Amino acid sequence: DEHHIDQVLVNLVNNAVKYAHGSFKITLR
């Protein structure tokens, strides 16, 4: 389900931005 997988990815990226203070690089693999 493309819409729901989009939700998962957005959540994981948002968490990386929100909780990883001082980390300006995020790698998706």
mmCIF file of all heavy atoms, coordinates in Angstrom:
data_MODEL
# 
_entry.id   MODEL 
# 
loop_
_atom_site.group_PDB 
_atom_site.id 
_atom_site.type_symbol 
_atom_site.label_atom_id 
_atom_site.label_alt_id 
_atom_site.label_comp_id 
_atom_site.label_asym_id 
_atom_site.label_entity_id 
_atom_site.label_seq_id 
_atom_site.pdbx_PDB_ins_code 
_atom_site.Cartn_x 
_atom_site.Cartn_y 
_atom_site.Cartn_z 
_atom_site.occupancy 
_atom_site.B_iso_or_equiv 
_atom_site.pdbx_formal_charge 
_atom_site.auth_seq_id 
_atom_site.auth_comp_id 
_atom_site.auth_asym_id 
_atom_site.auth_atom_id 
_atom_site.pdbx_PDB_model_num 
ATOM 1   N N   . ASP A 1 1  ? 0.867  -1.175 0.000  1.00 0.00 ? 1  ASP A N   1 
ATOM 2   C CA  . ASP A 1 1  ? 0.000  0.000  0.000  1.00 0.00 ? 1  ASP A CA  1 
ATOM 3   C C   . ASP A 1 1  ? 0.905  1.228  0.000  1.00 0.00 ? 1  ASP A C   1 
ATOM 4   O O   . ASP A 1 1  ? 1.532  1.554  1.017  1.00 0.00 ? 1  ASP A O   1 
ATOM 5   C CB  . ASP A 1 1  ? -0.905 -0.023 1.227  1.00 0.00 ? 1  ASP A CB  1 
ATOM 6   C CG  . ASP A 1 1  ? -1.965 1.065  1.179  1.00 0.00 ? 1  ASP A CG  1 
ATOM 7   O OD1 . ASP A 1 1  ? -1.590 2.232  0.939  1.00 0.00 ? 1  ASP A OD1 1 
ATOM 8   O OD2 . ASP A 1 1  ? -3.152 0.765  1.409  1.00 0.00 ? 1  ASP A OD2 1 
ATOM 9   N N   . GLU A 1 2  ? 0.984  1.927  -1.143 1.00 0.00 ? 2  GLU A N   1 
ATOM 10  C CA  . GLU A 1 2  ? 1.924  3.030  -1.294 1.00 0.00 ? 2  GLU A CA  1 
ATOM 11  C C   . GLU A 1 2  ? 1.677  4.133  -0.264 1.00 0.00 ? 2  GLU A C   1 
ATOM 12  O O   . GLU A 1 2  ? 2.617  4.699  0.292  1.00 0.00 ? 2  GLU A O   1 
ATOM 13  C CB  . GLU A 1 2  ? 1.840  3.592  -2.718 1.00 0.00 ? 2  GLU A CB  1 
ATOM 14  C CG  . GLU A 1 2  ? 2.915  4.608  -3.033 1.00 0.00 ? 2  GLU A CG  1 
ATOM 15  C CD  . GLU A 1 2  ? 2.959  4.970  -4.510 1.00 0.00 ? 2  GLU A CD  1 
ATOM 16  O OE1 . GLU A 1 2  ? 2.186  4.355  -5.288 1.00 0.00 ? 2  GLU A OE1 1 
ATOM 17  O OE2 . GLU A 1 2  ? 3.753  5.851  -4.881 1.00 0.00 ? 2  GLU A OE2 1 
ATOM 18  N N   . HIS A 1 3  ? 0.427  4.434  -0.022 1.00 0.00 ? 3  HIS A N   1 
ATOM 19  C CA  . HIS A 1 3  ? 0.096  5.509  0.916  1.00 0.00 ? 3  HIS A CA  1 
ATOM 20  C C   . HIS A 1 3  ? 0.592  5.168  2.325  1.00 0.00 ? 3  HIS A C   1 
ATOM 21  O O   . HIS A 1 3  ? 1.182  6.009  3.010  1.00 0.00 ? 3  HIS A O   1 
ATOM 22  C CB  . HIS A 1 3  ? -1.413 5.746  0.937  1.00 0.00 ? 3  HIS A CB  1 
ATOM 23  C CG  . HIS A 1 3  ? -1.861 6.649  2.033  1.00 0.00 ? 3  HIS A CG  1 
ATOM 24  N ND1 . HIS A 1 3  ? -1.581 8.001  2.059  1.00 0.00 ? 3  HIS A ND1 1 
ATOM 25  C CD2 . HIS A 1 3  ? -2.567 6.388  3.184  1.00 0.00 ? 3  HIS A CD2 1 
ATOM 26  C CE1 . HIS A 1 3  ? -2.083 8.535  3.162  1.00 0.00 ? 3  HIS A CE1 1 
ATOM 27  N NE2 . HIS A 1 3  ? -2.687 7.575  3.850  1.00 0.00 ? 3  HIS A NE2 1 
ATOM 28  N N   . HIS A 1 4  ? 0.368  3.934  2.754  1.00 0.00 ? 4  HIS A N   1 
ATOM 29  C CA  . HIS A 1 4  ? 0.763  3.565  4.108  1.00 0.00 ? 4  HIS A CA  1 
ATOM 30  C C   . HIS A 1 4  ? 2.272  3.392  4.251  1.00 0.00 ? 4  HIS A C   1 
ATOM 31  O O   . HIS A 1 4  ? 2.844  3.711  5.308  1.00 0.00 ? 4  HIS A O   1 
ATOM 32  C CB  . HIS A 1 4  ? 0.039  2.280  4.533  1.00 0.00 ? 4  HIS A CB  1 
ATOM 33  C CG  . HIS A 1 4  ? -1.399 2.502  4.873  1.00 0.00 ? 4  HIS A CG  1 
ATOM 34  N ND1 . HIS A 1 4  ? -2.440 2.024  4.106  1.00 0.00 ? 4  HIS A ND1 1 
ATOM 35  C CD2 . HIS A 1 4  ? -1.977 3.169  5.898  1.00 0.00 ? 4  HIS A CD2 1 
ATOM 36  C CE1 . HIS A 1 4  ? -3.585 2.383  4.642  1.00 0.00 ? 4  HIS A CE1 1 
ATOM 37  N NE2 . HIS A 1 4  ? -3.342 3.084  5.732  1.00 0.00 ? 4  HIS A NE2 1 
ATOM 38  N N   . ILE A 1 5  ? 2.939  2.894  3.219  1.00 0.00 ? 5  ILE A N   1 
ATOM 39  C CA  . ILE A 1 5  ? 4.405  2.815  3.270  1.00 0.00 ? 5  ILE A CA  1 
ATOM 40  C C   . ILE A 1 5  ? 4.998  4.222  3.305  1.00 0.00 ? 5  ILE A C   1 
ATOM 41  O O   . ILE A 1 5  ? 6.010  4.475  3.974  1.00 0.00 ? 5  ILE A O   1 
ATOM 42  C CB  . ILE A 1 5  ? 4.953  2.011  2.076  1.00 0.00 ? 5  ILE A CB  1 
ATOM 43  C CG1 . ILE A 1 5  ? 4.458  0.566  2.148  1.00 0.00 ? 5  ILE A CG1 1 
ATOM 44  C CG2 . ILE A 1 5  ? 6.472  2.043  2.055  1.00 0.00 ? 5  ILE A CG2 1 
ATOM 45  C CD1 . ILE A 1 5  ? 4.864  -0.171 3.406  1.00 0.00 ? 5  ILE A CD1 1 
ATOM 46  N N   . ASP A 1 6  ? 4.350  5.169  2.615  1.00 0.00 ? 6  ASP A N   1 
ATOM 47  C CA  . ASP A 1 6  ? 4.759  6.575  2.691  1.00 0.00 ? 6  ASP A CA  1 
ATOM 48  C C   . ASP A 1 6  ? 4.674  7.055  4.150  1.00 0.00 ? 6  ASP A C   1 
ATOM 49  O O   . ASP A 1 6  ? 5.563  7.766  4.634  1.00 0.00 ? 6  ASP A O   1 
ATOM 50  C CB  . ASP A 1 6  ? 3.850  7.418  1.791  1.00 0.00 ? 6  ASP A CB  1 
ATOM 51  C CG  . ASP A 1 6  ? 4.198  8.899  1.839  1.00 0.00 ? 6  ASP A CG  1 
ATOM 52  O OD1 . ASP A 1 6  ? 3.697  9.601  2.757  1.00 0.00 ? 6  ASP A OD1 1 
ATOM 53  O OD2 . ASP A 1 6  ? 4.975  9.349  0.980  1.00 0.00 ? 6  ASP A OD2 1 
ATOM 54  N N   . GLN A 1 7  ? 3.617  6.665  4.862  1.00 0.00 ? 7  GLN A N   1 
ATOM 55  C CA  . GLN A 1 7  ? 3.479  7.026  6.273  1.00 0.00 ? 7  GLN A CA  1 
ATOM 56  C C   . GLN A 1 7  ? 4.651  6.502  7.101  1.00 0.00 ? 7  GLN A C   1 
ATOM 57  O O   . GLN A 1 7  ? 5.192  7.208  7.962  1.00 0.00 ? 7  GLN A O   1 
ATOM 58  C CB  . GLN A 1 7  ? 2.184  6.441  6.860  1.00 0.00 ? 7  GLN A CB  1 
ATOM 59  C CG  . GLN A 1 7  ? 0.929  7.231  6.564  1.00 0.00 ? 7  GLN A CG  1 
ATOM 60  C CD  . GLN A 1 7  ? -0.262 6.622  7.263  1.00 0.00 ? 7  GLN A CD  1 
ATOM 61  O OE1 . GLN A 1 7  ? -0.943 5.747  6.727  1.00 0.00 ? 7  GLN A OE1 1 
ATOM 62  N NE2 . GLN A 1 7  ? -0.511 7.080  8.473  1.00 0.00 ? 7  GLN A NE2 1 
ATOM 63  N N   . VAL A 1 8  ? 5.057  5.261  6.846  1.00 0.00 ? 8  VAL A N   1 
ATOM 64  C CA  . VAL A 1 8  ? 6.161  4.661  7.595  1.00 0.00 ? 8  VAL A CA  1 
ATOM 65  C C   . VAL A 1 8  ? 7.449  5.442  7.349  1.00 0.00 ? 8  VAL A C   1 
ATOM 66  O O   . VAL A 1 8  ? 8.170  5.803  8.281  1.00 0.00 ? 8  VAL A O   1 
ATOM 67  C CB  . VAL A 1 8  ? 6.343  3.182  7.215  1.00 0.00 ? 8  VAL A CB  1 
ATOM 68  C CG1 . VAL A 1 8  ? 7.567  2.591  7.916  1.00 0.00 ? 8  VAL A CG1 1 
ATOM 69  C CG2 . VAL A 1 8  ? 5.092  2.380  7.555  1.00 0.00 ? 8  VAL A CG2 1 
ATOM 70  N N   . LEU A 1 9  ? 7.733  5.716  6.068  1.00 0.00 ? 9  LEU A N   1 
ATOM 71  C CA  . LEU A 1 9  ? 8.966  6.438  5.728  1.00 0.00 ? 9  LEU A CA  1 
ATOM 72  C C   . LEU A 1 9  ? 8.978  7.843  6.324  1.00 0.00 ? 9  LEU A C   1 
ATOM 73  O O   . LEU A 1 9  ? 9.977  8.286  6.896  1.00 0.00 ? 9  LEU A O   1 
ATOM 74  C CB  . LEU A 1 9  ? 9.119  6.510  4.211  1.00 0.00 ? 9  LEU A CB  1 
ATOM 75  C CG  . LEU A 1 9  ? 9.589  5.220  3.532  1.00 0.00 ? 9  LEU A CG  1 
ATOM 76  C CD1 . LEU A 1 9  ? 9.408  5.320  2.026  1.00 0.00 ? 9  LEU A CD1 1 
ATOM 77  C CD2 . LEU A 1 9  ? 11.056 4.963  3.867  1.00 0.00 ? 9  LEU A CD2 1 
ATOM 78  N N   . VAL A 1 10 ? 7.863  8.556  6.200  1.00 0.00 ? 10 VAL A N   1 
ATOM 79  C CA  . VAL A 1 10 ? 7.790  9.917  6.754  1.00 0.00 ? 10 VAL A CA  1 
ATOM 80  C C   . VAL A 1 10 ? 8.005  9.880  8.253  1.00 0.00 ? 10 VAL A C   1 
ATOM 81  O O   . VAL A 1 10 ? 8.713  10.718 8.815  1.00 0.00 ? 10 VAL A O   1 
ATOM 82  C CB  . VAL A 1 10 ? 6.427  10.561 6.403  1.00 0.00 ? 10 VAL A CB  1 
ATOM 83  C CG1 . VAL A 1 10 ? 6.222  11.846 7.210  1.00 0.00 ? 10 VAL A CG1 1 
ATOM 84  C CG2 . VAL A 1 10 ? 6.343  10.856 4.913  1.00 0.00 ? 10 VAL A CG2 1 
ATOM 85  N N   . ASN A 1 11 ? 7.430  8.900  8.916  1.00 0.00 ? 11 ASN A N   1 
ATOM 86  C CA  . ASN A 1 11 ? 7.586  8.799  10.367 1.00 0.00 ? 11 ASN A CA  1 
ATOM 87  C C   . ASN A 1 11 ? 9.037  8.561  10.758 1.00 0.00 ? 11 ASN A C   1 
ATOM 88  O O   . ASN A 1 11 ? 9.557  9.190  11.686 1.00 0.00 ? 11 ASN A O   1 
ATOM 89  C CB  . ASN A 1 11 ? 6.698  7.679  10.915 1.00 0.00 ? 11 ASN A CB  1 
ATOM 90  C CG  . ASN A 1 11 ? 6.806  7.549  12.413 1.00 0.00 ? 11 ASN A CG  1 
ATOM 91  O OD1 . ASN A 1 11 ? 7.552  6.713  12.913 1.00 0.00 ? 11 ASN A OD1 1 
ATOM 92  N ND2 . ASN A 1 11 ? 6.078  8.378  13.142 1.00 0.00 ? 11 ASN A ND2 1 
ATOM 93  N N   . LEU A 1 12 ? 9.711  7.634  10.058 1.00 0.00 ? 12 LEU A N   1 
ATOM 94  C CA  . LEU A 1 12 ? 11.101 7.336  10.389 1.00 0.00 ? 12 LEU A CA  1 
ATOM 95  C C   . LEU A 1 12 ? 12.018 8.521  10.113 1.00 0.00 ? 12 LEU A C   1 
ATOM 96  O O   . LEU A 1 12 ? 12.921 8.823  10.897 1.00 0.00 ? 12 LEU A O   1 
ATOM 97  C CB  . LEU A 1 12 ? 11.578 6.098  9.619  1.00 0.00 ? 12 LEU A CB  1 
ATOM 98  C CG  . LEU A 1 12 ? 10.851 4.781  9.922  1.00 0.00 ? 12 LEU A CG  1 
ATOM 99  C CD1 . LEU A 1 12 ? 11.504 3.624  9.170  1.00 0.00 ? 12 LEU A CD1 1 
ATOM 100 C CD2 . LEU A 1 12 ? 10.820 4.492  11.413 1.00 0.00 ? 12 LEU A CD2 1 
ATOM 101 N N   . VAL A 1 13 ? 11.783 9.214  9.001  1.00 0.00 ? 13 VAL A N   1 
ATOM 102 C CA  . VAL A 1 13 ? 12.598 10.398 8.686  1.00 0.00 ? 13 VAL A CA  1 
ATOM 103 C C   . VAL A 1 13 ? 12.316 11.517 9.687  1.00 0.00 ? 13 VAL A C   1 
ATOM 104 O O   . VAL A 1 13 ? 13.250 12.185 10.170 1.00 0.00 ? 13 VAL A O   1 
ATOM 105 C CB  . VAL A 1 13 ? 12.316 10.871 7.238  1.00 0.00 ? 13 VAL A CB  1 
ATOM 106 C CG1 . VAL A 1 13 ? 13.011 12.211 6.975  1.00 0.00 ? 13 VAL A CG1 1 
ATOM 107 C CG2 . VAL A 1 13 ? 12.806 9.827  6.231  1.00 0.00 ? 13 VAL A CG2 1 
ATOM 108 N N   . ASN A 1 14 ? 11.055 11.741 10.014 1.00 0.00 ? 14 ASN A N   1 
ATOM 109 C CA  . ASN A 1 14 ? 10.713 12.769 10.997 1.00 0.00 ? 14 ASN A CA  1 
ATOM 110 C C   . ASN A 1 14 ? 11.349 12.482 12.356 1.00 0.00 ? 14 ASN A C   1 
ATOM 111 O O   . ASN A 1 14 ? 11.816 13.404 13.039 1.00 0.00 ? 14 ASN A O   1 
ATOM 112 C CB  . ASN A 1 14 ? 9.198  12.880 11.149 1.00 0.00 ? 14 ASN A CB  1 
ATOM 113 C CG  . ASN A 1 14 ? 8.546  13.598 9.996  1.00 0.00 ? 14 ASN A CG  1 
ATOM 114 O OD1 . ASN A 1 14 ? 9.226  14.252 9.190  1.00 0.00 ? 14 ASN A OD1 1 
ATOM 115 N ND2 . ASN A 1 14 ? 7.234  13.495 9.887  1.00 0.00 ? 14 ASN A ND2 1 
ATOM 116 N N   . ASN A 1 15 ? 11.362 11.207 12.752 1.00 0.00 ? 15 ASN A N   1 
ATOM 117 C CA  . ASN A 1 15 ? 12.000 10.864 14.019 1.00 0.00 ? 15 ASN A CA  1 
ATOM 118 C C   . ASN A 1 15 ? 13.499 11.135 13.985 1.00 0.00 ? 15 ASN A C   1 
ATOM 119 O O   . ASN A 1 15 ? 14.089 11.586 14.973 1.00 0.00 ? 15 ASN A O   1 
ATOM 120 C CB  . ASN A 1 15 ? 11.745 9.385  14.361 1.00 0.00 ? 15 ASN A CB  1 
ATOM 121 C CG  . ASN A 1 15 ? 10.369 9.149  14.926 1.00 0.00 ? 15 ASN A CG  1 
ATOM 122 O OD1 . ASN A 1 15 ? 9.653  10.091 15.259 1.00 0.00 ? 15 ASN A OD1 1 
ATOM 123 N ND2 . ASN A 1 15 ? 9.970  7.892  15.032 1.00 0.00 ? 15 ASN A ND2 1 
ATOM 124 N N   . ALA A 1 16 ? 14.132 10.841 12.833 1.00 0.00 ? 16 ALA A N   1 
ATOM 125 C CA  . ALA A 1 16 ? 15.563 11.123 12.704 1.00 0.00 ? 16 ALA A CA  1 
ATOM 126 C C   . ALA A 1 16 ? 15.831 12.614 12.849 1.00 0.00 ? 16 ALA A C   1 
ATOM 127 O O   . ALA A 1 16 ? 16.802 13.041 13.484 1.00 0.00 ? 16 ALA A O   1 
ATOM 128 C CB  . ALA A 1 16 ? 16.071 10.595 11.370 1.00 0.00 ? 16 ALA A CB  1 
ATOM 129 N N   . VAL A 1 17 ? 14.954 13.432 12.266 1.00 0.00 ? 17 VAL A N   1 
ATOM 130 C CA  . VAL A 1 17 ? 15.113 14.884 12.369 1.00 0.00 ? 17 VAL A CA  1 
ATOM 131 C C   . VAL A 1 17 ? 14.825 15.354 13.798 1.00 0.00 ? 17 VAL A C   1 
ATOM 132 O O   . VAL A 1 17 ? 15.523 16.205 14.351 1.00 0.00 ? 17 VAL A O   1 
ATOM 133 C CB  . VAL A 1 17 ? 14.169 15.597 11.373 1.00 0.00 ? 17 VAL A CB  1 
ATOM 134 C CG1 . VAL A 1 17 ? 14.187 17.108 11.592 1.00 0.00 ? 17 VAL A CG1 1 
ATOM 135 C CG2 . VAL A 1 17 ? 14.563 15.267 9.935  1.00 0.00 ? 17 VAL A CG2 1 
ATOM 136 N N   . LYS A 1 18 ? 13.796 14.782 14.388 1.00 0.00 ? 18 LYS A N   1 
ATOM 137 C CA  . LYS A 1 18 ? 13.305 15.275 15.679 1.00 0.00 ? 18 LYS A CA  1 
ATOM 138 C C   . LYS A 1 18 ? 14.199 14.867 16.847 1.00 0.00 ? 18 LYS A C   1 
ATOM 139 O O   . LYS A 1 18 ? 14.519 15.675 17.721 1.00 0.00 ? 18 LYS A O   1 
ATOM 140 C CB  . LYS A 1 18 ? 11.893 14.719 15.904 1.00 0.00 ? 18 LYS A CB  1 
ATOM 141 C CG  . LYS A 1 18 ? 11.203 15.243 17.160 1.00 0.00 ? 18 LYS A CG  1 
ATOM 142 C CD  . LYS A 1 18 ? 9.907  14.485 17.426 1.00 0.00 ? 18 LYS A CD  1 
ATOM 143 C CE  . LYS A 1 18 ? 8.954  14.565 16.256 1.00 0.00 ? 18 LYS A CE  1 
ATOM 144 N NZ  . LYS A 1 18 ? 7.679  13.861 16.532 1.00 0.00 ? 18 LYS A NZ  1 
ATOM 145 N N   . TYR A 1 19 ? 14.615 13.584 16.879 1.00 0.00 ? 19 TYR A N   1 
ATOM 146 C CA  . TYR A 1 19 ? 15.305 13.080 18.051 1.00 0.00 ? 19 TYR A CA  1 
ATOM 147 C C   . TYR A 1 19 ? 16.824 13.036 17.913 1.00 0.00 ? 19 TYR A C   1 
ATOM 148 O O   . TYR A 1 19 ? 17.518 12.968 18.923 1.00 0.00 ? 19 TYR A O   1 
ATOM 149 C CB  . TYR A 1 19 ? 14.794 11.672 18.383 1.00 0.00 ? 19 TYR A CB  1 
ATOM 150 C CG  . TYR A 1 19 ? 13.345 11.665 18.829 1.00 0.00 ? 19 TYR A CG  1 
ATOM 151 C CD1 . TYR A 1 19 ? 12.343 11.207 17.980 1.00 0.00 ? 19 TYR A CD1 1 
ATOM 152 C CD2 . TYR A 1 19 ? 12.990 12.146 20.083 1.00 0.00 ? 19 TYR A CD2 1 
ATOM 153 C CE1 . TYR A 1 19 ? 11.017 11.206 18.378 1.00 0.00 ? 19 TYR A CE1 1 
ATOM 154 C CE2 . TYR A 1 19 ? 11.659 12.149 20.482 1.00 0.00 ? 19 TYR A CE2 1 
ATOM 155 C CZ  . TYR A 1 19 ? 10.676 11.683 19.625 1.00 0.00 ? 19 TYR A CZ  1 
ATOM 156 O OH  . TYR A 1 19 ? 9.369  11.692 20.027 1.00 0.00 ? 19 TYR A OH  1 
ATOM 157 N N   . ALA A 1 20 ? 17.337 13.014 16.698 1.00 0.00 ? 20 ALA A N   1 
ATOM 158 C CA  . ALA A 1 20 ? 18.793 12.953 16.515 1.00 0.00 ? 20 ALA A CA  1 
ATOM 159 C C   . ALA A 1 20 ? 19.362 14.363 16.496 1.00 0.00 ? 20 ALA A C   1 
ATOM 160 O O   . ALA A 1 20 ? 19.762 14.890 15.454 1.00 0.00 ? 20 ALA A O   1 
ATOM 161 C CB  . ALA A 1 20 ? 19.123 12.200 15.234 1.00 0.00 ? 20 ALA A CB  1 
ATOM 162 N N   . HIS A 1 21 ? 19.403 15.005 17.665 1.00 0.00 ? 21 HIS A N   1 
ATOM 163 C CA  . HIS A 1 21 ? 19.855 16.382 17.761 1.00 0.00 ? 21 HIS A CA  1 
ATOM 164 C C   . HIS A 1 21 ? 21.311 16.491 17.294 1.00 0.00 ? 21 HIS A C   1 
ATOM 165 O O   . HIS A 1 21 ? 22.169 15.721 17.698 1.00 0.00 ? 21 HIS A O   1 
ATOM 166 C CB  . HIS A 1 21 ? 19.742 16.869 19.219 1.00 0.00 ? 21 HIS A CB  1 
ATOM 167 C CG  . HIS A 1 21 ? 18.422 16.563 19.841 1.00 0.00 ? 21 HIS A CG  1 
ATOM 168 N ND1 . HIS A 1 21 ? 17.246 17.057 19.340 1.00 0.00 ? 21 HIS A ND1 1 
ATOM 169 C CD2 . HIS A 1 21 ? 18.088 15.784 20.909 1.00 0.00 ? 21 HIS A CD2 1 
ATOM 170 C CE1 . HIS A 1 21 ? 16.243 16.621 20.088 1.00 0.00 ? 21 HIS A CE1 1 
ATOM 171 N NE2 . HIS A 1 21 ? 16.729 15.843 21.046 1.00 0.00 ? 21 HIS A NE2 1 
ATOM 172 N N   . GLY A 1 22 ? 21.571 17.473 16.455 1.00 0.00 ? 22 GLY A N   1 
ATOM 173 C CA  . GLY A 1 22 ? 22.935 17.711 15.976 1.00 0.00 ? 22 GLY A CA  1 
ATOM 174 C C   . GLY A 1 22 ? 23.344 16.841 14.815 1.00 0.00 ? 22 GLY A C   1 
ATOM 175 O O   . GLY A 1 22 ? 24.473 16.946 14.323 1.00 0.00 ? 22 GLY A O   1 
ATOM 176 N N   . SER A 1 23 ? 22.447 15.940 14.355 1.00 0.00 ? 23 SER A N   1 
ATOM 177 C CA  . SER A 1 23 ? 22.769 15.103 13.205 1.00 0.00 ? 23 SER A CA  1 
ATOM 178 C C   . SER A 1 23 ? 22.125 15.715 11.970 1.00 0.00 ? 23 SER A C   1 
ATOM 179 O O   . SER A 1 23 ? 20.910 15.660 11.791 1.00 0.00 ? 23 SER A O   1 
ATOM 180 C CB  . SER A 1 23 ? 22.231 13.672 13.433 1.00 0.00 ? 23 SER A CB  1 
ATOM 181 O OG  . SER A 1 23 ? 22.389 12.902 12.256 1.00 0.00 ? 23 SER A OG  1 
ATOM 182 N N   . PHE A 1 24 ? 22.953 16.319 11.100 1.00 0.00 ? 24 PHE A N   1 
ATOM 183 C CA  . PHE A 1 24 ? 22.416 17.009 9.921  1.00 0.00 ? 24 PHE A CA  1 
ATOM 184 C C   . PHE A 1 24 ? 22.406 16.108 8.693  1.00 0.00 ? 24 PHE A C   1 
ATOM 185 O O   . PHE A 1 24 ? 21.911 16.499 7.652  1.00 0.00 ? 24 PHE A O   1 
ATOM 186 C CB  . PHE A 1 24 ? 23.223 18.278 9.657  1.00 0.00 ? 24 PHE A CB  1 
ATOM 187 C CG  . PHE A 1 24 ? 23.185 19.237 10.821 1.00 0.00 ? 24 PHE A CG  1 
ATOM 188 C CD1 . PHE A 1 24 ? 24.273 19.378 11.660 1.00 0.00 ? 24 PHE A CD1 1 
ATOM 189 C CD2 . PHE A 1 24 ? 22.045 19.974 11.106 1.00 0.00 ? 24 PHE A CD2 1 
ATOM 190 C CE1 . PHE A 1 24 ? 24.238 20.244 12.747 1.00 0.00 ? 24 PHE A CE1 1 
ATOM 191 C CE2 . PHE A 1 24 ? 21.998 20.832 12.177 1.00 0.00 ? 24 PHE A CE2 1 
ATOM 192 C CZ  . PHE A 1 24 ? 23.103 20.977 13.005 1.00 0.00 ? 24 PHE A CZ  1 
ATOM 193 N N   . LYS A 1 25 ? 22.974 14.916 8.826  1.00 0.00 ? 25 LYS A N   1 
ATOM 194 C CA  . LYS A 1 25 ? 22.978 13.987 7.697  1.00 0.00 ? 25 LYS A CA  1 
ATOM 195 C C   . LYS A 1 25 ? 22.113 12.780 8.037  1.00 0.00 ? 25 LYS A C   1 
ATOM 196 O O   . LYS A 1 25 ? 22.255 12.175 9.095  1.00 0.00 ? 25 LYS A O   1 
ATOM 197 C CB  . LYS A 1 25 ? 24.397 13.538 7.374  1.00 0.00 ? 25 LYS A CB  1 
ATOM 198 C CG  . LYS A 1 25 ? 24.472 12.644 6.125  1.00 0.00 ? 25 LYS A CG  1 
ATOM 199 C CD  . LYS A 1 25 ? 25.903 12.354 5.713  1.00 0.00 ? 25 LYS A CD  1 
ATOM 200 C CE  . LYS A 1 25 ? 26.546 11.360 6.655  1.00 0.00 ? 25 LYS A CE  1 
ATOM 201 N NZ  . LYS A 1 25 ? 27.857 10.896 6.164  1.00 0.00 ? 25 LYS A NZ  1 
ATOM 202 N N   . ILE A 1 26 ? 21.203 12.447 7.146  1.00 0.00 ? 26 ILE A N   1 
ATOM 203 C CA  . ILE A 1 26 ? 20.333 11.282 7.294  1.00 0.00 ? 26 ILE A CA  1 
ATOM 204 C C   . ILE A 1 26 ? 20.489 10.422 6.054  1.00 0.00 ? 26 ILE A C   1 
ATOM 205 O O   . ILE A 1 26 ? 20.340 10.922 4.925  1.00 0.00 ? 26 ILE A O   1 
ATOM 206 C CB  . ILE A 1 26 ? 18.864 11.697 7.473  1.00 0.00 ? 26 ILE A CB  1 
ATOM 207 C CG1 . ILE A 1 26 ? 18.701 12.543 8.742  1.00 0.00 ? 26 ILE A CG1 1 
ATOM 208 C CG2 . ILE A 1 26 ? 17.959 10.469 7.528  1.00 0.00 ? 26 ILE A CG2 1 
ATOM 209 C CD1 . ILE A 1 26 ? 17.324 13.140 8.897  1.00 0.00 ? 26 ILE A CD1 1 
ATOM 210 N N   . THR A 1 27 ? 20.805 9.150  6.232  1.00 0.00 ? 27 THR A N   1 
ATOM 211 C CA  . THR A 1 27 ? 21.032 8.238  5.117  1.00 0.00 ? 27 THR A CA  1 
ATOM 212 C C   . THR A 1 27 ? 19.870 7.265  4.988  1.00 0.00 ? 27 THR A C   1 
ATOM 213 O O   . THR A 1 27 ? 19.501 6.606  5.962  1.00 0.00 ? 27 THR A O   1 
ATOM 214 C CB  . THR A 1 27 ? 22.345 7.456  5.305  1.00 0.00 ? 27 THR A CB  1 
ATOM 215 O OG1 . THR A 1 27 ? 23.430 8.376  5.395  1.00 0.00 ? 27 THR A OG1 1 
ATOM 216 C CG2 . THR A 1 27 ? 22.579 6.499  4.151  1.00 0.00 ? 27 THR A CG2 1 
ATOM 217 N N   . LEU A 1 28 ? 19.301 7.188  3.776  1.00 0.00 ? 28 LEU A N   1 
ATOM 218 C CA  . LEU A 1 28 ? 18.268 6.204  3.486  1.00 0.00 ? 28 LEU A CA  1 
ATOM 219 C C   . LEU A 1 28 ? 18.869 5.155  2.560  1.00 0.00 ? 28 LEU A C   1 
ATOM 220 O O   . LEU A 1 28 ? 19.505 5.503  1.551  1.00 0.00 ? 28 LEU A O   1 
ATOM 221 C CB  . LEU A 1 28 ? 17.050 6.852  2.821  1.00 0.00 ? 28 LEU A CB  1 
ATOM 222 C CG  . LEU A 1 28 ? 16.219 7.770  3.738  1.00 0.00 ? 28 LEU A CG  1 
ATOM 223 C CD1 . LEU A 1 28 ? 16.709 9.207  3.608  1.00 0.00 ? 28 LEU A CD1 1 
ATOM 224 C CD2 . LEU A 1 28 ? 14.743 7.672  3.418  1.00 0.00 ? 28 LEU A CD2 1 
ATOM 225 N N   . ARG A 1 29 ? 18.671 3.893  2.907  1.00 0.00 ? 29 ARG A N   1 
ATOM 226 C CA  . ARG A 1 29 ? 19.313 2.813  2.166  1.00 0.00 ? 29 ARG A CA  1 
ATOM 227 C C   . ARG A 1 29 ? 18.261 1.792  1.734  1.00 0.00 ? 29 ARG A C   1 
ATOM 228 O O   . ARG A 1 29 ? 17.400 1.397  2.510  1.00 0.00 ? 29 ARG A O   1 
ATOM 229 C CB  . ARG A 1 29 ? 20.383 2.160  3.037  1.00 0.00 ? 29 ARG A CB  1 
ATOM 230 C CG  . ARG A 1 29 ? 21.260 1.135  2.317  1.00 0.00 ? 29 ARG A CG  1 
ATOM 231 C CD  . ARG A 1 29 ? 22.402 0.658  3.217  1.00 0.00 ? 29 ARG A CD  1 
ATOM 232 N NE  . ARG A 1 29 ? 23.308 1.757  3.535  1.00 0.00 ? 29 ARG A NE  1 
ATOM 233 C CZ  . ARG A 1 29 ? 23.336 2.391  4.697  1.00 0.00 ? 29 ARG A CZ  1 
ATOM 234 N NH1 . ARG A 1 29 ? 22.481 2.053  5.654  1.00 0.00 ? 29 ARG A NH1 1 
ATOM 235 N NH2 . ARG A 1 29 ? 24.196 3.372  4.915  1.00 0.00 ? 29 ARG A NH2 1 
# 
